Every structure is written in C-alpha cells, then in structure tokens.
Amino acid sequence: FMNKGEGILVSSREEPVFGMIDTFNDLYTAKENWQSIDPIGLQKAMRYVYDLYNNDTTDAHKKMKEKGKNRVEEYSHENIGSLMRTLLEDVN
C-alpha cells in the first residue's frame, strides 16, 4: 500500500489467531493465521518519525506527510466503492 517515501514498513511475523472472543464462531479461529507486528520495530519507526518531525531541516517530514495523505485518498470509500462496482459489473 505504500510507495517509497510515504511511510515506514515495520516487520511482522505470522502467527495463529488467538484470543478473539468477541467475534463470529467461524471467524478468527486458531485455524487461521495473521501477521503480528514487531513492537520493537514499531518503536524504532515511531522514534525515527518523531525525531524527523522535531529536527526536520530538509522538509522530509512534510514530504512524507503529504505523500501519505495523497496515497490514502486512493483508498477512499468512493474510490474503493467504484472499483468494487466495476468488478461486480464485469462479473454479470
């Protein structure tokens, strides 16, 4: 979902779904896996962005922020709804 300069990728690991008690019986069971984020990697990424924000002499933080905002618009309800409509119309 991100291109270069829009954010920071944080590593994760695949692990079985566990502990989801407020859900449907057939959803999020131990039969499924999901990606669990690495908390230390997240801490490092958050510190990097915070320091970049505080010490930004090159406008790198502002550029990252604008790129992220522009990228998010690609995933708006309107854009995703339009894509889904097109796909559903193609099926019929």
PDB file of N, CA and C in Angstrom:
ATOM      1  N   PHE A   1       0.807  -1.204   0.000  1.00  0.00           N
ATOM      2  CA  PHE A   1       0.000   0.000   0.000  1.00  0.00           C
ATOM      3  C   PHE A   1       0.848   1.266   0.000  1.00  0.00           C
ATOM      4  N   MET A   2       2.114   1.132   0.286  1.00  0.00           N
ATOM      5  CA  MET A   2       2.972   2.312   0.357  1.00  0.00           C
ATOM      6  C   MET A   2       4.013   2.269  -0.742  1.00  0.00           C
ATOM      7  N   ASN A   3       4.319   3.445  -1.248  1.00  0.00           N
ATOM      8  CA  ASN A   3       5.446   3.591  -2.147  1.00  0.00           C
ATOM      9  C   ASN A   3       6.577   4.241  -1.366  1.00  0.00           C
ATOM     10  N   LYS A   4       7.704   4.376  -1.983  1.00  0.00           N
ATOM     11  CA  LYS A   4       8.862   4.943  -1.295  1.00  0.00           C
ATOM     12  C   LYS A   4       8.571   6.367  -0.811  1.00  0.00           C
ATOM     13  N   GLY A   5       8.865   6.599   0.446  1.00  0.00           N
ATOM     14  CA  GLY A   5       8.736   7.930   0.999  1.00  0.00           C
ATOM     15  C   GLY A   5       7.405   8.248   1.640  1.00  0.00           C
ATOM     16  N   GLU A   6       6.455   7.315   1.610  1.00  0.00           N
ATOM     17  CA  GLU A   6       5.131   7.577   2.181  1.00  0.00           C
ATOM     18  C   GLU A   6       5.008   7.110   3.615  1.00  0.00           C
ATOM     19  N   GLY A   7       5.902   6.311   4.060  1.00  0.00           N
ATOM     20  CA  GLY A   7       5.820   5.775   5.407  1.00  0.00           C
ATOM     21  C   GLY A   7       6.963   4.819   5.638  1.00  0.00           C
ATOM     22  N   ILE A   8       6.865   4.065   6.701  1.00  0.00           N
ATOM     23  CA  ILE A   8       7.924   3.134   7.070  1.00  0.00           C
ATOM     24  C   ILE A   8       7.318   1.749   7.261  1.00  0.00           C
ATOM     25  N   LEU A   9       7.900   0.777   6.609  1.00  0.00           N
ATOM     26  CA  LEU A   9       7.452  -0.593   6.803  1.00  0.00           C
ATOM     27  C   LEU A   9       8.020  -1.141   8.103  1.00  0.00           C
ATOM     28  N   VAL A  10       7.197  -1.837   8.848  1.00  0.00           N
ATOM     29  CA  VAL A  10       7.614  -2.444  10.101  1.00  0.00           C
ATOM     30  C   VAL A  10       7.481  -3.950   9.944  1.00  0.00           C
ATOM     31  N   SER A  11       8.494  -4.671  10.388  1.00  0.00           N
ATOM     32  CA  SER A  11       8.462  -6.121  10.221  1.00  0.00           C
ATOM     33  C   SER A  11       7.367  -6.748  11.078  1.00  0.00           C
ATOM     34  N   SER A  12       6.956  -7.931  10.654  1.00  0.00           N
ATOM     35  CA  SER A  12       5.930  -8.677  11.381  1.00  0.00           C
ATOM     36  C   SER A  12       6.227 -10.157  11.240  1.00  0.00           C
ATOM     37  N   ARG A  13       5.465 -10.936  11.958  1.00  0.00           N
ATOM     38  CA  ARG A  13       5.617 -12.384  11.835  1.00  0.00           C
ATOM     39  C   ARG A  13       4.231 -13.013  11.765  1.00  0.00           C
ATOM     40  N   GLU A  14       4.149 -14.140  11.105  1.00  0.00           N
ATOM     41  CA  GLU A  14       2.886 -14.856  11.001  1.00  0.00           C
ATOM     42  C   GLU A  14       2.691 -15.697  12.251  1.00  0.00           C
ATOM     43  N   GLU A  15       1.493 -15.633  12.808  1.00  0.00           N
ATOM     44  CA  GLU A  15       1.197 -16.458  13.976  1.00  0.00           C
ATOM     45  C   GLU A  15      -0.283 -16.828  13.982  1.00  0.00           C
ATOM     46  N   PRO A  16      -0.640 -17.895  14.677  1.00  0.00           N
ATOM     47  CA  PRO A  16      -2.040 -18.312  14.731  1.00  0.00           C
ATOM     48  C   PRO A  16      -2.898 -17.255  15.435  1.00  0.00           C
ATOM     49  N   VAL A  17      -4.111 -17.107  14.964  1.00  0.00           N
ATOM     50  CA  VAL A  17      -5.068 -16.229  15.632  1.00  0.00           C
ATOM     51  C   VAL A  17      -5.379 -16.827  16.993  1.00  0.00           C
ATOM     52  N   PHE A  18      -5.374 -15.993  18.019  1.00  0.00           N
ATOM     53  CA  PHE A  18      -5.612 -16.498  19.371  1.00  0.00           C
ATOM     54  C   PHE A  18      -6.259 -15.405  20.208  1.00  0.00           C
ATOM     55  N   GLY A  19      -7.248 -15.792  20.997  1.00  0.00           N
ATOM     56  CA  GLY A  19      -7.815 -14.882  21.971  1.00  0.00           C
ATOM     57  C   GLY A  19      -8.927 -13.985  21.474  1.00  0.00           C
ATOM     58  N   MET A  20      -9.440 -14.198  20.276  1.00  0.00           N
ATOM     59  CA  MET A  20     -10.526 -13.372  19.758  1.00  0.00           C
ATOM     60  C   MET A  20     -11.849 -13.961  20.250  1.00  0.00           C
ATOM     61  N   ILE A  21     -12.400 -13.399  21.317  1.00  0.00           N
ATOM     62  CA  ILE A  21     -13.617 -13.971  21.902  1.00  0.00           C
ATOM     63  C   ILE A  21     -14.889 -13.245  21.475  1.00  0.00           C
ATOM     64  N   ASP A  22     -14.781 -11.999  21.044  1.00  0.00           N
ATOM     65  CA  ASP A  22     -15.962 -11.232  20.645  1.00  0.00           C
ATOM     66  C   ASP A  22     -16.074 -11.193  19.124  1.00  0.00           C
ATOM     67  N   THR A  23     -16.337 -12.337  18.534  1.00  0.00           N
ATOM     68  CA  THR A  23     -16.432 -12.414  17.083  1.00  0.00           C
ATOM     69  C   THR A  23     -17.373 -13.556  16.712  1.00  0.00           C
ATOM     70  N   PHE A  24     -17.536 -13.800  15.427  1.00  0.00           N
ATOM     71  CA  PHE A  24     -18.366 -14.903  14.954  1.00  0.00           C
ATOM     72  C   PHE A  24     -17.639 -16.226  15.187  1.00  0.00           C
ATOM     73  N   ASN A  25     -18.413 -17.315  15.285  1.00  0.00           N
ATOM     74  CA  ASN A  25     -17.831 -18.626  15.583  1.00  0.00           C
ATOM     75  C   ASN A  25     -16.833 -19.098  14.535  1.00  0.00           C
ATOM     76  N   ASP A  26     -17.039 -18.720  13.274  1.00  0.00           N
ATOM     77  CA  ASP A  26     -16.179 -19.225  12.207  1.00  0.00           C
ATOM     78  C   ASP A  26     -15.142 -18.201  11.742  1.00  0.00           C
ATOM     79  N   LEU A  27     -14.997 -17.125  12.476  1.00  0.00           N
ATOM     80  CA  LEU A  27     -14.081 -16.062  12.084  1.00  0.00           C
ATOM     81  C   LEU A  27     -13.019 -15.873  13.155  1.00  0.00           C
ATOM     82  N   TYR A  28     -11.794 -15.707  12.749  1.00  0.00           N
ATOM     83  CA  TYR A  28     -10.684 -15.510  13.676  1.00  0.00           C
ATOM     84  C   TYR A  28     -10.554 -16.663  14.672  1.00  0.00           C
ATOM     85  N   THR A  29     -10.454 -17.836  14.140  1.00  0.00           N
ATOM     86  CA  THR A  29     -10.254 -19.024  14.961  1.00  0.00           C
ATOM     87  C   THR A  29      -8.779 -19.412  14.896  1.00  0.00           C
ATOM     88  N   ALA A  30      -8.386 -20.378  15.662  1.00  0.00           N
ATOM     89  CA  ALA A  30      -6.993 -20.830  15.645  1.00  0.00           C
ATOM     90  C   ALA A  30      -6.656 -21.553  14.347  1.00  0.00           C
ATOM     91  N   LYS A  31      -7.651 -21.732  13.477  1.00  0.00           N
ATOM     92  CA  LYS A  31      -7.404 -22.345  12.172  1.00  0.00           C
ATOM     93  C   LYS A  31      -6.790 -21.346  11.190  1.00  0.00           C
ATOM     94  N   GLU A  32      -6.755 -20.069  11.578  1.00  0.00           N
ATOM     95  CA  GLU A  32      -6.253 -19.014  10.702  1.00  0.00           C
ATOM     96  C   GLU A  32      -4.966 -18.430  11.268  1.00  0.00           C
ATOM     97  N   ASN A  33      -4.234 -17.781  10.402  1.00  0.00           N
ATOM     98  CA  ASN A  33      -3.041 -17.052  10.813  1.00  0.00           C
ATOM     99  C   ASN A  33      -3.205 -15.584  10.456  1.00  0.00           C
ATOM    100  N   TRP A  34      -2.506 -14.732  11.173  1.00  0.00           N
ATOM    101  CA  TRP A  34      -2.447 -13.327  10.818  1.00  0.00           C
ATOM    102  C   TRP A  34      -1.047 -12.814  11.092  1.00  0.00           C
ATOM    103  N   GLN A  35      -0.779 -11.626  10.618  1.00  0.00           N
ATOM    104  CA  GLN A  35       0.522 -11.024  10.823  1.00  0.00           C
ATOM    105  C   GLN A  35       0.496 -10.231  12.131  1.00  0.00           C
ATOM    106  N   SER A  36       1.456 -10.480  12.981  1.00  0.00           N
ATOM    107  CA  SER A  36       1.594  -9.772  14.248  1.00  0.00           C
ATOM    108  C   SER A  36       2.805  -8.853  14.144  1.00  0.00           C
ATOM    109  N   ILE A  37       2.597  -7.569  14.391  1.00  0.00           N
ATOM    110  CA  ILE A  37       3.642  -6.567  14.207  1.00  0.00           C
ATOM    111  C   ILE A  37       4.741  -6.723  15.260  1.00  0.00           C
ATOM    112  N   ASP A  38       5.954  -6.403  14.879  1.00  0.00           N
ATOM    113  CA  ASP A  38       7.094  -6.436  15.786  1.00  0.00           C
ATOM    114  C   ASP A  38       7.092  -5.141  16.602  1.00  0.00           C
ATOM    115  N   PRO A  39       6.835  -5.202  17.916  1.00  0.00           N
ATOM    116  CA  PRO A  39       6.732  -3.978  18.712  1.00  0.00           C
ATOM    117  C   PRO A  39       8.022  -3.161  18.763  1.00  0.00           C
ATOM    118  N   ILE A  40       9.171  -3.823  18.752  1.00  0.00           N
ATOM    119  CA  ILE A  40      10.438  -3.089  18.780  1.00  0.00           C
ATOM    120  C   ILE A  40      10.648  -2.360  17.458  1.00  0.00           C
ATOM    121  N   GLY A  41      10.295  -3.009  16.356  1.00  0.00           N
ATOM    122  CA  GLY A  41      10.376  -2.353  15.056  1.00  0.00           C
ATOM    123  C   GLY A  41       9.448  -1.150  14.981  1.00  0.00           C
ATOM    124  N   LEU A  42       8.248  -1.282  15.556  1.00  0.00           N
ATOM    125  CA  LEU A  42       7.306  -0.171  15.590  1.00  0.00           C
ATOM    126  C   LEU A  42       7.852   0.979  16.430  1.00  0.00           C
ATOM    127  N   GLN A  43       8.450   0.659  17.577  1.00  0.00           N
ATOM    128  CA  GLN A  43       9.058   1.698  18.424  1.00  0.00           C
ATOM    129  C   GLN A  43      10.134   2.466  17.660  1.00  0.00           C
ATOM    130  N   LYS A  44      10.974   1.731  16.961  1.00  0.00           N
ATOM    131  CA  LYS A  44      12.062   2.372  16.206  1.00  0.00           C
ATOM    132  C   LYS A  44      11.512   3.267  15.098  1.00  0.00           C
ATOM    133  N   ALA A  45      10.491   2.785  14.394  1.00  0.00           N
ATOM    134  CA  ALA A  45       9.900   3.575  13.320  1.00  0.00           C
ATOM    135  C   ALA A  45       9.243   4.842  13.872  1.00  0.00           C
ATOM    136  N   MET A  46       8.533   4.693  14.989  1.00  0.00           N
ATOM    137  CA  MET A  46       7.879   5.854  15.596  1.00  0.00           C
ATOM    138  C   MET A  46       8.917   6.866  16.092  1.00  0.00           C
ATOM    139  N   ARG A  47       9.999   6.391  16.672  1.00  0.00           N
ATOM    140  CA  ARG A  47      11.053   7.294  17.129  1.00  0.00           C
ATOM    141  C   ARG A  47      11.686   8.021  15.956  1.00  0.00           C
ATOM    142  N   TYR A  48      11.923   7.307  14.863  1.00  0.00           N
ATOM    143  CA  TYR A  48      12.510   7.912  13.673  1.00  0.00           C
ATOM    144  C   TYR A  48      11.631   9.054  13.160  1.00  0.00           C
ATOM    145  N   VAL A  49      10.330   8.796  13.042  1.00  0.00           N
ATOM    146  CA  VAL A  49       9.426   9.821  12.522  1.00  0.00           C
ATOM    147  C   VAL A  49       9.323  10.992  13.497  1.00  0.00           C
ATOM    148  N   TYR A  50       9.278  10.704  14.793  1.00  0.00           N
ATOM    149  CA  TYR A  50       9.216  11.775  15.796  1.00  0.00           C
ATOM    150  C   TYR A  50      10.469  12.648  15.724  1.00  0.00           C
ATOM    151  N   ASP A  51      11.634  12.016  15.654  1.00  0.00           N
ATOM    152  CA  ASP A  51      12.877  12.780  15.547  1.00  0.00           C
ATOM    153  C   ASP A  51      12.931  13.551  14.232  1.00  0.00           C
ATOM    154  N   LEU A  52      12.453  12.951  13.170  1.00  0.00           N
ATOM    155  CA  LEU A  52      12.412  13.640  11.881  1.00  0.00           C
ATOM    156  C   LEU A  52      11.528  14.876  11.972  1.00  0.00           C
ATOM    157  N   TYR A  53      10.401  14.737  12.635  1.00  0.00           N
ATOM    158  CA  TYR A  53       9.475  15.859  12.828  1.00  0.00           C
ATOM    159  C   TYR A  53      10.125  16.981  13.633  1.00  0.00           C
ATOM    160  N   ASN A  54      10.832  16.629  14.702  1.00  0.00           N
ATOM    161  CA  ASN A  54      11.452  17.643  15.570  1.00  0.00           C
ATOM    162  C   ASN A  54      12.688  18.291  14.968  1.00  0.00           C
ATOM    163  N   ASN A  55      13.417  17.569  14.137  1.00  0.00           N
ATOM    164  CA  ASN A  55      14.698  18.064  13.616  1.00  0.00           C
ATOM    165  C   ASN A  55      14.686  18.209  12.103  1.00  0.00           C
ATOM    166  N   ASP A  56      13.538  18.485  11.540  1.00  0.00           N
ATOM    167  CA  ASP A  56      13.393  18.480  10.081  1.00  0.00           C
ATOM    168  C   ASP A  56      13.917  19.778   9.462  1.00  0.00           C
ATOM    169  N   THR A  57      15.120  19.718   8.950  1.00  0.00           N
ATOM    170  CA  THR A  57      15.685  20.885   8.269  1.00  0.00           C
ATOM    171  C   THR A  57      15.563  20.757   6.753  1.00  0.00           C
ATOM    172  N   THR A  58      15.165  19.582   6.278  1.00  0.00           N
ATOM    173  CA  THR A  58      15.087  19.342   4.829  1.00  0.00           C
ATOM    174  C   THR A  58      13.651  19.194   4.345  1.00  0.00           C
ATOM    175  N   ASP A  59      12.665  19.400   5.215  1.00  0.00           N
ATOM    176  CA  ASP A  59      11.246  19.211   4.893  1.00  0.00           C
ATOM    177  C   ASP A  59      10.902  17.763   4.569  1.00  0.00           C
ATOM    178  N   ALA A  60      11.754  16.824   4.979  1.00  0.00           N
ATOM    179  CA  ALA A  60      11.490  15.408   4.707  1.00  0.00           C
ATOM    180  C   ALA A  60      10.209  14.947   5.391  1.00  0.00           C
ATOM    181  N   HIS A  61       9.965  15.411   6.609  1.00  0.00           N
ATOM    182  CA  HIS A  61       8.749  15.021   7.329  1.00  0.00           C
ATOM    183  C   HIS A  61       7.517  15.545   6.605  1.00  0.00           C
ATOM    184  N   LYS A  62       7.567  16.784   6.152  1.00  0.00           N
ATOM    185  CA  LYS A  62       6.421  17.368   5.431  1.00  0.00           C
ATOM    186  C   LYS A  62       6.157  16.610   4.137  1.00  0.00           C
ATOM    187  N   LYS A  63       7.226  16.240   3.442  1.00  0.00           N
ATOM    188  CA  LYS A  63       7.071  15.489   2.192  1.00  0.00           C
ATOM    189  C   LYS A  63       6.458  14.122   2.458  1.00  0.00           C
ATOM    190  N   MET A  64       6.921  13.439   3.516  1.00  0.00           N
ATOM    191  CA  MET A  64       6.378  12.134   3.873  1.00  0.00           C
ATOM    192  C   MET A  64       4.895  12.257   4.212  1.00  0.00           C
ATOM    193  N   LYS A  65       4.568  13.285   4.974  1.00  0.00           N
ATOM    194  CA  LYS A  65       3.178  13.512   5.376  1.00  0.00           C
ATOM    195  C   LYS A  65       2.280  13.747   4.162  1.00  0.00           C
ATOM    196  N   GLU A  66       2.716  14.583   3.233  1.00  0.00           N
ATOM    197  CA  GLU A  66       1.918  14.866   2.038  1.00  0.00           C
ATOM    198  C   GLU A  66       1.770  13.638   1.148  1.00  0.00           C
ATOM    199  N   LYS A  67       2.850  12.886   0.969  1.00  0.00           N
ATOM    200  CA  LYS A  67       2.776  11.660   0.166  1.00  0.00           C
ATOM    201  C   LYS A  67       1.799  10.673   0.787  1.00  0.00           C
ATOM    202  N   GLY A  68       1.843  10.545   2.111  1.00  0.00           N
ATOM    203  CA  GLY A  68       0.927   9.644   2.807  1.00  0.00           C
ATOM    204  C   GLY A  68      -0.518  10.073   2.646  1.00  0.00           C
ATOM    205  N   LYS A  69      -0.782  11.374   2.784  1.00  0.00           N
ATOM    206  CA  LYS A  69      -2.150  11.885   2.617  1.00  0.00           C
ATOM    207  C   LYS A  69      -2.665  11.628   1.207  1.00  0.00           C
ATOM    208  N   ASN A  70      -1.815  11.874   0.215  1.00  0.00           N
ATOM    209  CA  ASN A  70      -2.231  11.644  -1.169  1.00  0.00           C
ATOM    210  C   ASN A  70      -2.491  10.171  -1.435  1.00  0.00           C
ATOM    211  N   ARG A  71      -1.680   9.323  -0.861  1.00  0.00           N
ATOM    212  CA  ARG A  71      -1.841   7.874  -1.066  1.00  0.00           C
ATOM    213  C   ARG A  71      -3.124   7.371  -0.410  1.00  0.00           C
ATOM    214  N   VAL A  72      -3.449   7.900   0.758  1.00  0.00           N
ATOM    215  CA  VAL A  72      -4.655   7.489   1.471  1.00  0.00           C
ATOM    216  C   VAL A  72      -5.896   7.767   0.630  1.00  0.00           C
ATOM    217  N   GLU A  73      -5.889   8.859  -0.112  1.00  0.00           N
ATOM    218  CA  GLU A  73      -7.048   9.204  -0.934  1.00  0.00           C
ATOM    219  C   GLU A  73      -7.356   8.128  -1.973  1.00  0.00           C
ATOM    220  N   GLU A  74      -6.338   7.392  -2.391  1.00  0.00           N
ATOM    221  CA  GLU A  74      -6.557   6.309  -3.349  1.00  0.00           C
ATOM    222  C   GLU A  74      -7.412   5.195  -2.745  1.00  0.00           C
ATOM    223  N   TYR A  75      -7.474   5.138  -1.418  1.00  0.00           N
ATOM    224  CA  TYR A  75      -8.231   4.098  -0.728  1.00  0.00           C
ATOM    225  C   TYR A  75      -9.477   4.653  -0.048  1.00  0.00           C
ATOM    226  N   SER A  76      -9.993   5.759  -0.567  1.00  0.00           N
ATOM    227  CA  SER A  76     -11.212   6.350  -0.010  1.00  0.00           C
ATOM    228  C   SER A  76     -12.397   5.428  -0.289  1.00  0.00           C
ATOM    229  N   HIS A  77     -13.477   5.641   0.452  1.00  0.00           N
ATOM    230  CA  HIS A  77     -14.695   4.845   0.224  1.00  0.00           C
ATOM    231  C   HIS A  77     -15.173   4.999  -1.213  1.00  0.00           C
ATOM    232  N   GLU A  78     -15.082   6.214  -1.739  1.00  0.00           N
ATOM    233  CA  GLU A  78     -15.547   6.452  -3.110  1.00  0.00           C
ATOM    234  C   GLU A  78     -14.724   5.665  -4.118  1.00  0.00           C
ATOM    235  N   ASN A  79     -13.405   5.715  -3.992  1.00  0.00           N
ATOM    236  CA  ASN A  79     -12.550   5.016  -4.953  1.00  0.00           C
ATOM    237  C   ASN A  79     -12.680   3.501  -4.843  1.00  0.00           C
ATOM    238  N   ILE A  80     -12.694   2.980  -3.636  1.00  0.00           N
ATOM    239  CA  ILE A  80     -12.834   1.538  -3.456  1.00  0.00           C
ATOM    240  C   ILE A  80     -14.222   1.081  -3.888  1.00  0.00           C
ATOM    241  N   GLY A  81     -15.257   1.879  -3.559  1.00  0.00           N
ATOM    242  CA  GLY A  81     -16.620   1.544  -3.993  1.00  0.00           C
ATOM    243  C   GLY A  81     -16.734   1.494  -5.506  1.00  0.00           C
ATOM    244  N   SER A  82     -16.108   2.447  -6.172  1.00  0.00           N
ATOM    245  CA  SER A  82     -16.120   2.470  -7.636  1.00  0.00           C
ATOM    246  C   SER A  82     -15.413   1.249  -8.211  1.00  0.00           C
ATOM    247  N   LEU A  83     -14.292   0.887  -7.626  1.00  0.00           N
ATOM    248  CA  LEU A  83     -13.565  -0.306  -8.072  1.00  0.00           C
ATOM    249  C   LEU A  83     -14.400  -1.559  -7.873  1.00  0.00           C
ATOM    250  N   MET A  84     -15.044  -1.665  -6.709  1.00  0.00           N
ATOM    251  CA  MET A  84     -15.883  -2.840  -6.446  1.00  0.00           C
ATOM    252  C   MET A  84     -17.064  -2.896  -7.410  1.00  0.00           C
ATOM    253  N   ARG A  85     -17.663  -1.759  -7.686  1.00  0.00           N
ATOM    254  CA  ARG A  85     -18.793  -1.715  -8.635  1.00  0.00           C
ATOM    255  C   ARG A  85     -18.349  -2.213 -10.009  1.00  0.00           C
ATOM    256  N   THR A  86     -17.207  -1.721 -10.469  1.00  0.00           N
ATOM    257  CA  THR A  86     -16.689  -2.139 -11.766  1.00  0.00           C
ATOM    258  C   THR A  86     -16.450  -3.640 -11.806  1.00  0.00           C
ATOM    259  N   LEU A  87     -15.844  -4.173 -10.753  1.00  0.00           N
ATOM    260  CA  LEU A  87     -15.592  -5.612 -10.707  1.00  0.00           C
ATOM    261  C   LEU A  87     -16.893  -6.409 -10.696  1.00  0.00           C
ATOM    262  N   LEU A  88     -17.876  -5.943  -9.930  1.00  0.00           N
ATOM    263  CA  LEU A  88     -19.163  -6.662  -9.872  1.00  0.00           C
ATOM    264  C   LEU A  88     -19.912  -6.576 -11.198  1.00  0.00           C
ATOM    265  N   GLU A  89     -19.827  -5.445 -11.864  1.00  0.00           N
ATOM    266  CA  GLU A  89     -20.488  -5.309 -13.175  1.00  0.00           C
ATOM    267  C   GLU A  89     -19.849  -6.200 -14.213  1.00  0.00           C
ATOM    268  N   ASP A  90     -18.525  -6.383 -14.113  1.00  0.00           N
ATOM    269  CA  ASP A  90     -17.809  -7.253 -15.050  1.00  0.00           C
ATOM    270  C   ASP A  90     -18.198  -8.719 -14.861  1.00  0.00           C
ATOM    271  N   VAL A  91     -18.576  -9.097 -13.647  1.00  0.00           N
ATOM    272  CA  VAL A  91     -18.965 -10.470 -13.361  1.00  0.00           C
ATOM    273  C   VAL A  91     -20.299 -10.785 -14.024  1.00  0.00           C
ATOM    274  N   ASN A  92     -21.194  -9.833 -13.985  1.00  0.00           N
ATOM    275  CA  ASN A  92     -22.529 -10.051 -14.583  1.00  0.00           C
ATOM    276  C   ASN A  92     -22.428  -9.909 -16.031  1.00  0.00           C
TER     277      ASN A  92
END
